[in-house]
Protein backbone atom coordinates (compact mmCIF):
# COMPACT_ATOMS: atom_id res chain seq x y z
CA MET A 1 8.04 24.66 -4.04
CA ALA A 2 6.53 23.43 -0.77
CA GLN A 3 8.83 23.68 2.38
CA GLY A 4 11.10 20.62 3.07
CA ARG A 5 13.55 18.56 0.96
CA ALA A 6 13.65 19.41 -2.73
CA SER A 7 12.39 16.73 -5.07
CA ILE A 8 13.74 15.93 -8.57
CA ARG A 9 10.42 17.43 -9.82
CA ASP A 10 11.39 20.68 -8.17
CA VAL A 11 14.68 20.69 -10.06
CA ALA A 12 12.97 20.04 -13.36
CA GLU A 13 10.51 22.82 -12.71
CA ARG A 14 13.12 25.26 -11.77
CA ALA A 15 15.33 24.39 -14.74
CA GLY A 16 12.29 24.23 -17.36
CA VAL A 17 13.03 20.61 -18.31
CA SER A 18 11.38 17.24 -17.88
CA VAL A 19 12.00 14.89 -14.72
CA SER A 20 13.57 12.30 -17.06
CA THR A 21 16.00 15.06 -18.40
CA VAL A 22 17.20 15.91 -14.92
CA SER A 23 17.53 12.20 -13.94
CA ARG A 24 19.62 11.35 -16.93
CA ILE A 25 21.87 14.23 -16.52
CA LEU A 26 22.45 13.50 -12.82
CA ASN A 27 23.09 9.77 -13.32
CA GLY A 28 25.37 10.32 -16.43
CA SER A 29 23.40 8.44 -19.03
CA TYR A 30 22.74 11.60 -21.21
CA SER A 31 24.66 14.17 -22.88
CA PRO A 32 22.67 17.41 -23.29
CA ALA A 33 23.27 20.73 -24.70
CA PRO A 34 25.69 22.76 -22.41
CA LYS A 35 23.09 25.28 -21.67
CA THR A 36 20.43 22.70 -20.50
CA ARG A 37 23.03 20.99 -18.41
CA ASP A 38 23.98 24.34 -16.92
CA ARG A 39 20.25 25.12 -16.04
CA VAL A 40 19.87 21.84 -14.37
CA MET A 41 23.05 22.09 -12.31
CA ARG A 42 22.22 25.55 -11.34
CA ALA A 43 18.73 24.43 -10.20
CA VAL A 44 20.24 21.65 -8.16
CA GLN A 45 22.62 24.13 -6.42
CA GLU A 46 19.96 26.64 -5.69
CA LEU A 47 17.65 24.09 -4.37
CA SER A 48 20.32 22.15 -2.55
CA TYR A 49 18.76 18.98 -4.14
CA VAL A 50 20.69 15.64 -3.13
CA ALA A 51 19.70 12.15 -3.74
CA ASN A 52 18.87 10.04 -0.72
CA PRO A 53 22.42 8.50 0.20
CA HIS A 54 20.58 5.69 2.17
CA ALA A 55 18.94 4.54 -0.85
CA ARG A 56 21.93 4.65 -3.06
CA ALA A 57 23.72 2.50 -0.45
CA LEU A 58 20.92 0.01 -0.50
CA ILE A 59 21.34 -0.47 -4.28
CA ARG A 60 24.68 -2.00 -3.53
CA GLN A 61 23.16 -4.51 -1.10
CA GLU A 62 20.70 -7.47 -1.39
CA SER A 63 17.28 -6.01 -1.13
CA THR A 64 14.22 -7.99 -0.35
CA THR A 65 11.77 -5.17 -1.57
CA VAL A 66 9.93 -5.36 -5.00
CA ALA A 67 8.26 -2.09 -6.28
CA MET A 68 5.19 -2.12 -8.30
CA VAL A 69 4.28 0.92 -10.64
CA LEU A 70 0.83 1.01 -12.23
CA ARG A 71 -1.70 3.65 -13.46
CA MET A 72 -4.32 3.21 -10.64
CA LEU A 73 -5.77 0.56 -8.09
CA ASP A 74 -9.38 1.11 -9.10
CA ASP A 75 -9.09 -0.95 -12.25
CA GLY A 76 -10.41 -4.42 -11.58
CA PHE A 77 -8.06 -6.26 -13.93
CA LEU A 78 -4.85 -4.28 -12.47
CA LEU A 79 -6.09 -5.06 -9.02
CA LYS A 80 -6.23 -8.67 -9.52
CA VAL A 81 -2.68 -8.68 -11.05
CA VAL A 82 -1.38 -6.68 -8.07
CA GLN A 83 -3.02 -9.01 -5.52
CA SER A 84 -1.39 -12.12 -7.37
CA ILE A 85 2.04 -10.41 -7.33
CA ALA A 86 1.59 -9.46 -3.76
CA ALA A 87 0.67 -12.96 -2.63
CA GLU A 88 3.56 -14.52 -4.61
CA LEU A 89 6.07 -12.08 -3.24
CA ALA A 90 4.78 -12.57 0.41
CA ALA A 91 5.23 -16.23 -0.03
CA ALA A 92 8.89 -15.65 -1.06
CA GLY A 93 9.50 -13.46 1.87
CA ARG A 94 9.64 -10.14 0.02
CA LEU A 95 8.22 -6.74 0.88
CA CYS A 96 6.12 -4.53 -1.76
CA LEU A 97 6.17 -0.83 -2.59
CA ILE A 98 3.21 0.34 -4.66
CA GLY A 99 3.37 3.60 -6.83
CA THR A 100 0.51 4.77 -8.94
CA THR A 101 0.71 7.32 -11.85
CA GLY A 102 -2.80 8.00 -13.08
CA VAL A 103 -2.50 8.76 -16.70
CA ASP A 104 0.46 11.02 -16.45
CA ALA A 105 3.60 9.78 -18.28
CA GLU A 106 5.69 12.20 -16.68
CA ARG A 107 4.60 11.01 -13.33
CA GLU A 108 5.39 7.45 -14.05
CA LEU A 109 8.96 8.48 -14.98
CA GLU A 110 9.11 10.32 -11.54
CA VAL A 111 7.67 7.36 -9.81
CA LEU A 112 10.32 5.02 -11.47
CA GLU A 113 13.11 7.33 -10.29
CA GLN A 114 11.80 7.23 -6.76
CA MET A 115 11.48 3.43 -6.69
CA ARG A 116 15.10 3.09 -7.85
CA GLY A 117 16.11 5.54 -5.22
CA GLN A 118 14.59 3.11 -2.58
CA GLY A 119 17.17 0.50 -3.43
CA VAL A 120 14.60 -2.10 -4.57
CA GLN A 121 15.48 -5.55 -5.77
CA SER A 122 13.16 -5.14 -8.80
CA ILE A 123 10.58 -2.85 -10.31
CA ILE A 124 7.50 -4.25 -12.15
CA LEU A 125 5.68 -1.93 -14.42
CA ILE A 126 2.07 -2.99 -14.81
CA GLY A 127 -0.51 -2.24 -17.63
CA ALA A 128 -0.75 -0.09 -20.63
CA VAL A 129 0.99 3.04 -21.55
CA VAL A 130 1.22 5.54 -24.38
CA GLU A 131 4.75 4.74 -25.89
CA THR A 132 6.10 8.01 -27.29
CA GLU A 133 9.59 8.02 -28.86
CA GLU A 134 10.71 9.93 -25.66
CA TYR A 135 9.22 7.27 -23.29
CA ARG A 136 10.75 4.53 -25.10
CA ASP A 137 14.34 6.07 -25.05
CA PHE A 138 14.03 6.90 -21.24
CA LEU A 139 12.92 3.47 -20.52
CA GLY A 140 15.70 1.98 -22.59
CA ARG A 141 18.29 4.04 -20.66
CA PHE A 142 16.62 3.33 -17.29
CA ALA A 143 16.59 -0.30 -17.90
CA ALA A 144 20.22 -0.24 -18.79
CA SER A 145 21.02 1.83 -15.71
CA LEU A 146 19.01 -0.67 -13.50
CA SER A 147 20.66 -3.67 -15.01
CA GLY A 148 24.16 -1.90 -14.25
CA SER A 149 23.23 -1.63 -10.59
CA GLY A 150 21.85 -5.25 -10.26
CA THR A 151 18.19 -4.23 -10.29
CA ARG A 152 15.60 -6.07 -12.42
CA LEU A 153 12.94 -4.40 -14.62
CA VAL A 154 9.87 -6.39 -15.27
CA LEU A 155 7.03 -5.42 -17.89
CA CYS A 156 3.77 -7.01 -16.78
CA ALA A 157 0.62 -6.99 -18.96
CA ARG A 158 2.28 -4.70 -21.43
CA PRO A 159 4.45 -5.65 -24.72
CA PRO A 160 8.07 -5.50 -24.54
CA ILE A 161 10.07 -2.38 -25.93
CA ASP A 162 12.89 -2.67 -28.33
CA GLU A 163 14.84 0.16 -26.71
CA ALA A 164 14.89 -1.72 -23.37
CA PRO A 165 16.61 -5.09 -24.04
CA GLY A 166 17.35 -7.24 -21.12
CA THR A 167 13.89 -6.61 -19.33
CA SER A 168 11.79 -9.47 -18.38
CA VAL A 169 8.14 -9.31 -20.04
CA VAL A 170 5.06 -11.32 -19.41
CA GLU A 171 2.23 -10.03 -21.38
CA TYR A 172 -1.04 -11.50 -22.88
CA ASP A 173 -2.42 -11.86 -26.32
CA ASN A 174 -4.55 -8.52 -26.53
CA GLU A 175 -4.67 -8.69 -30.47
CA GLY A 176 -5.57 -12.33 -30.40
CA GLY A 177 -8.41 -11.68 -27.76
CA ALA A 178 -9.81 -9.01 -29.82
CA TYR A 179 -9.72 -10.93 -32.93
CA ALA A 180 -11.57 -13.85 -31.21
CA ALA A 181 -14.11 -11.48 -29.82
CA THR A 182 -14.95 -9.75 -33.03
CA SER A 183 -14.73 -13.23 -34.99
CA HIS A 184 -17.45 -14.44 -32.54
CA LEU A 185 -19.84 -11.53 -33.44
CA LEU A 186 -19.23 -11.91 -37.29
CA VAL A 187 -19.90 -15.76 -36.98
CA GLN A 188 -23.17 -14.95 -35.46
CA GLY A 189 -24.03 -12.81 -38.43
CA HIS A 190 -23.13 -9.50 -37.51
CA ARG A 191 -21.45 -7.63 -40.22
CA ARG A 192 -21.44 -3.95 -38.98
CA ILE A 193 -19.78 -4.04 -35.62
CA LEU A 194 -19.09 -0.96 -33.56
CA HIS A 195 -15.70 -0.93 -31.84
CA LEU A 196 -15.80 0.98 -28.61
CA GLY A 197 -11.97 1.24 -28.11
CA GLY A 198 -9.76 2.67 -25.42
CA PRO A 199 -7.42 5.58 -24.94
CA GLU A 200 -5.82 7.07 -28.08
CA GLY A 201 -2.38 5.84 -28.53
CA GLN A 202 -2.15 3.41 -25.75
CA ASN A 203 -0.45 0.18 -26.74
CA THR A 204 -3.30 -2.05 -25.52
CA SER A 205 -5.78 0.17 -27.46
CA LEU A 206 -3.73 -0.27 -30.60
CA GLN A 207 -3.38 -3.99 -30.14
CA ARG A 208 -7.14 -4.60 -29.78
CA LEU A 209 -7.89 -2.21 -32.61
CA ALA A 210 -5.57 -4.47 -34.74
CA GLY A 211 -7.40 -7.57 -33.65
CA TYR A 212 -10.72 -6.11 -34.52
CA ARG A 213 -9.55 -5.00 -37.91
CA ARG A 214 -8.05 -8.28 -38.75
CA ALA A 215 -11.22 -10.10 -37.91
CA ILE A 216 -13.28 -7.74 -39.91
CA GLU A 217 -10.97 -8.25 -43.01
CA ALA A 218 -10.49 -12.01 -42.47
CA LEU A 219 -14.26 -12.77 -42.06
CA GLY A 220 -15.82 -10.13 -44.36
CA GLY A 221 -17.15 -7.61 -42.01
CA ASP A 222 -17.86 -4.06 -42.95
CA ALA A 223 -14.61 -2.19 -42.63
CA ASP A 224 -15.92 1.41 -41.94
CA PRO A 225 -13.73 4.07 -39.95
CA ALA A 226 -17.11 5.34 -38.77
CA LEU A 227 -17.60 2.14 -36.72
CA GLU A 228 -14.25 2.72 -34.74
CA ALA A 229 -15.26 4.84 -31.52
CA GLY A 230 -12.26 5.30 -29.25
CA GLN A 231 -11.54 7.11 -26.01
CA ALA A 232 -13.68 4.85 -23.63
CA TRP A 233 -11.71 3.44 -20.79
CA ASP A 234 -14.09 2.94 -17.82
CA ARG A 235 -17.74 2.68 -17.07
CA GLU A 236 -18.35 6.47 -17.33
CA THR A 237 -16.66 6.99 -20.71
CA GLY A 238 -18.28 3.80 -21.98
CA TYR A 239 -21.71 5.31 -21.13
CA GLN A 240 -20.94 8.66 -22.68
CA ARG A 241 -19.65 7.34 -26.00
CA MET A 242 -22.11 4.73 -26.31
CA ARG A 243 -24.86 7.52 -25.53
CA ALA A 244 -23.40 9.90 -28.11
CA VAL A 245 -23.30 7.19 -30.89
CA LEU A 246 -26.76 6.31 -30.21
CA GLN A 247 -27.90 9.87 -30.20
CA ASP A 248 -26.42 10.85 -33.63
CA GLY A 249 -29.39 8.91 -35.38
CA THR A 250 -27.31 6.81 -37.75
CA ARG A 251 -27.29 3.61 -35.92
CA ASP A 252 -26.88 0.94 -38.34
CA PHE A 253 -24.59 -1.50 -36.44
CA THR A 254 -26.07 -4.55 -34.78
CA ALA A 255 -23.21 -5.52 -32.31
CA VAL A 256 -20.55 -3.73 -30.20
CA ALA A 257 -16.98 -4.92 -29.26
CA THR A 258 -15.70 -3.00 -26.34
CA TYR A 259 -12.39 -2.17 -24.81
CA THR A 260 -13.01 -3.60 -21.38
CA ASP A 261 -15.98 -4.95 -19.29
CA ASN A 262 -16.22 -1.80 -17.59
CA VAL A 263 -16.75 0.17 -20.89
CA ALA A 264 -19.33 -2.59 -21.86
CA ALA A 265 -21.17 -2.01 -18.52
CA GLY A 266 -21.42 1.66 -19.28
CA ALA A 267 -22.48 1.00 -22.99
CA ILE A 268 -25.22 -1.35 -21.76
CA GLN A 269 -26.74 1.39 -19.49
CA ALA A 270 -26.71 3.86 -22.39
CA ILE A 271 -28.28 1.16 -24.81
CA ARG A 272 -31.13 0.34 -22.17
CA GLU A 273 -31.61 4.17 -21.62
CA ALA A 274 -32.15 4.47 -25.33
CA GLY A 275 -34.91 1.98 -25.09
CA LEU A 276 -33.01 -0.81 -26.79
CA ARG A 277 -32.49 -4.36 -25.41
CA VAL A 278 -29.30 -6.63 -25.06
CA PRO A 279 -28.99 -8.82 -27.02
CA GLU A 280 -32.24 -8.53 -28.93
CA ASP A 281 -31.50 -5.18 -30.40
CA LEU A 282 -27.72 -4.91 -29.86
CA SER A 283 -25.24 -7.67 -29.17
CA ILE A 284 -22.09 -6.75 -27.04
CA ILE A 285 -18.81 -8.28 -25.90
CA GLY A 286 -16.38 -7.17 -23.41
CA PHE A 287 -12.70 -7.77 -22.69
CA ASP A 288 -11.22 -8.69 -19.11
CA ASP A 289 -13.69 -11.19 -17.70
CA ALA A 290 -14.34 -8.95 -14.57
CA ALA A 291 -16.06 -10.45 -11.60
CA PHE A 292 -19.32 -8.47 -12.46
CA ALA A 293 -19.31 -9.75 -16.01
CA ALA A 294 -21.13 -13.00 -14.91
CA ASP A 295 -23.84 -10.75 -13.12
CA LEU A 296 -24.51 -8.85 -16.42
CA ARG A 297 -24.32 -12.12 -18.36
CA LEU A 298 -21.76 -10.41 -20.49
CA SER A 299 -19.82 -12.42 -22.99
CA THR A 300 -16.16 -11.39 -22.86
CA VAL A 301 -12.57 -12.23 -23.28
CA HIS A 302 -10.79 -13.80 -20.33
CA ILE A 303 -7.33 -12.48 -19.26
CA PRO A 304 -5.23 -14.83 -17.06
CA ALA A 305 -4.62 -11.95 -14.52
CA GLN A 306 -3.56 -14.29 -11.68
CA GLN A 307 -1.01 -15.96 -13.80
CA LEU A 308 0.30 -12.95 -15.18
CA GLY A 309 0.86 -11.76 -11.52
CA GLN A 310 2.47 -14.95 -10.49
CA ILE A 311 4.98 -14.98 -13.36
CA ALA A 312 5.81 -11.23 -12.94
CA ALA A 313 6.69 -11.85 -9.27
CA GLN A 314 8.81 -14.88 -10.06
CA MET A 315 10.71 -12.66 -12.78
CA ALA A 316 11.09 -10.00 -10.08
CA THR A 317 12.60 -12.47 -7.57
CA GLY A 318 15.15 -14.11 -9.95
CA GLU A 319 13.33 -17.49 -10.12
CA ARG A 320 13.19 -16.82 -13.81
CA ASN A 321 15.88 -15.57 -16.32
CA ALA A 322 16.13 -11.78 -16.59
CA ASP A 323 15.64 -11.66 -20.30
CA THR A 324 12.54 -14.07 -20.26
CA ARG A 325 9.67 -12.97 -22.59
CA LEU A 326 6.37 -14.65 -22.27
CA LYS A 327 2.89 -13.92 -23.98
CA LEU A 328 -0.05 -15.72 -22.23
CA GLY A 329 -3.22 -16.80 -24.16
CA THR A 330 -6.59 -15.32 -23.77
CA HIS A 331 -10.02 -17.15 -24.35
CA LEU A 332 -13.64 -16.38 -24.83
CA VAL A 333 -16.20 -16.60 -22.07
CA LEU A 334 -19.59 -16.95 -23.88
CA ARG A 335 -22.58 -15.89 -21.91
CA GLU A 336 -26.04 -14.17 -23.06
CA SER A 337 -25.09 -10.83 -24.42
CA VAL A 338 -24.44 -11.99 -27.88
CA THR A 339 -27.28 -13.45 -30.06
CA ARG A 340 -27.36 -14.77 -33.62
CA ARG A 341 -28.60 -12.18 -36.13
CA THR A 342 -31.36 -13.60 -38.06
CA THR A 343 -32.27 -10.76 -40.48
């Protein structure tokens, strides 16, 4: 452990349990096995761990600070949402705290606890996550604990979690957007469509894969598991996954539906390096409607990022009811990366 005040993660490491387990034991929302509780309390004593008393006091007062928690700030879509939230909060006289978690679910739970310790008015969770049973259970308990202390929890650009009733939710139609994108390719005569999907198990990835499959079934495309290539979430992984698919020598698809515009950009690079043309040899469609999509002439699915941010901020400041759940629509933006298949 580094010198200085012990953190909740230090306690978890010393006791050999997760951060969420330590948190639930200390706030009384969990009844563990006696041996587990003893290990945690012994670690607390050995490390002289104490929660921030100033932060605990703030919880009982009216705060003007709103926390945002998200994976990263280098994702164009998430950045647009954050900027929209920040602008709306500034207009309402609120301050912002931002915490990033990478792709570490344990880190997200730790950041949530840290934000609660700051006595914020609300916490906005932004973007996709892998929803394990443990995660859903923790978030349900966390939401109930927040509600009891007068703090709001807002889920933005992610679906509601049944285990966390009473939370505010503003999401967008992931499945519908993927259905529309895949349907457009099918209407243009493409039957074998590669789905270049996102991180395995992530809720956004699962919703977009469901939309792809629904369109394939409804409009008579080829339902072939070999056409479902996942684990692409940015430009580099899009390039690598597309490159690998093209190099295996069995390309029999004529179009590609990608997880995001960034993935599409990487895939286009791999397609061109393979001596193929977009859209003459391969049509491709993205998802997000990122700013650079227009430069690539990329057909894509538009997500209302600014509106998502505005509504999330209004939920966080109490302008909307605490249990409001909204799903915003998406729509196609057609450019020149898709062409009709004539043979």
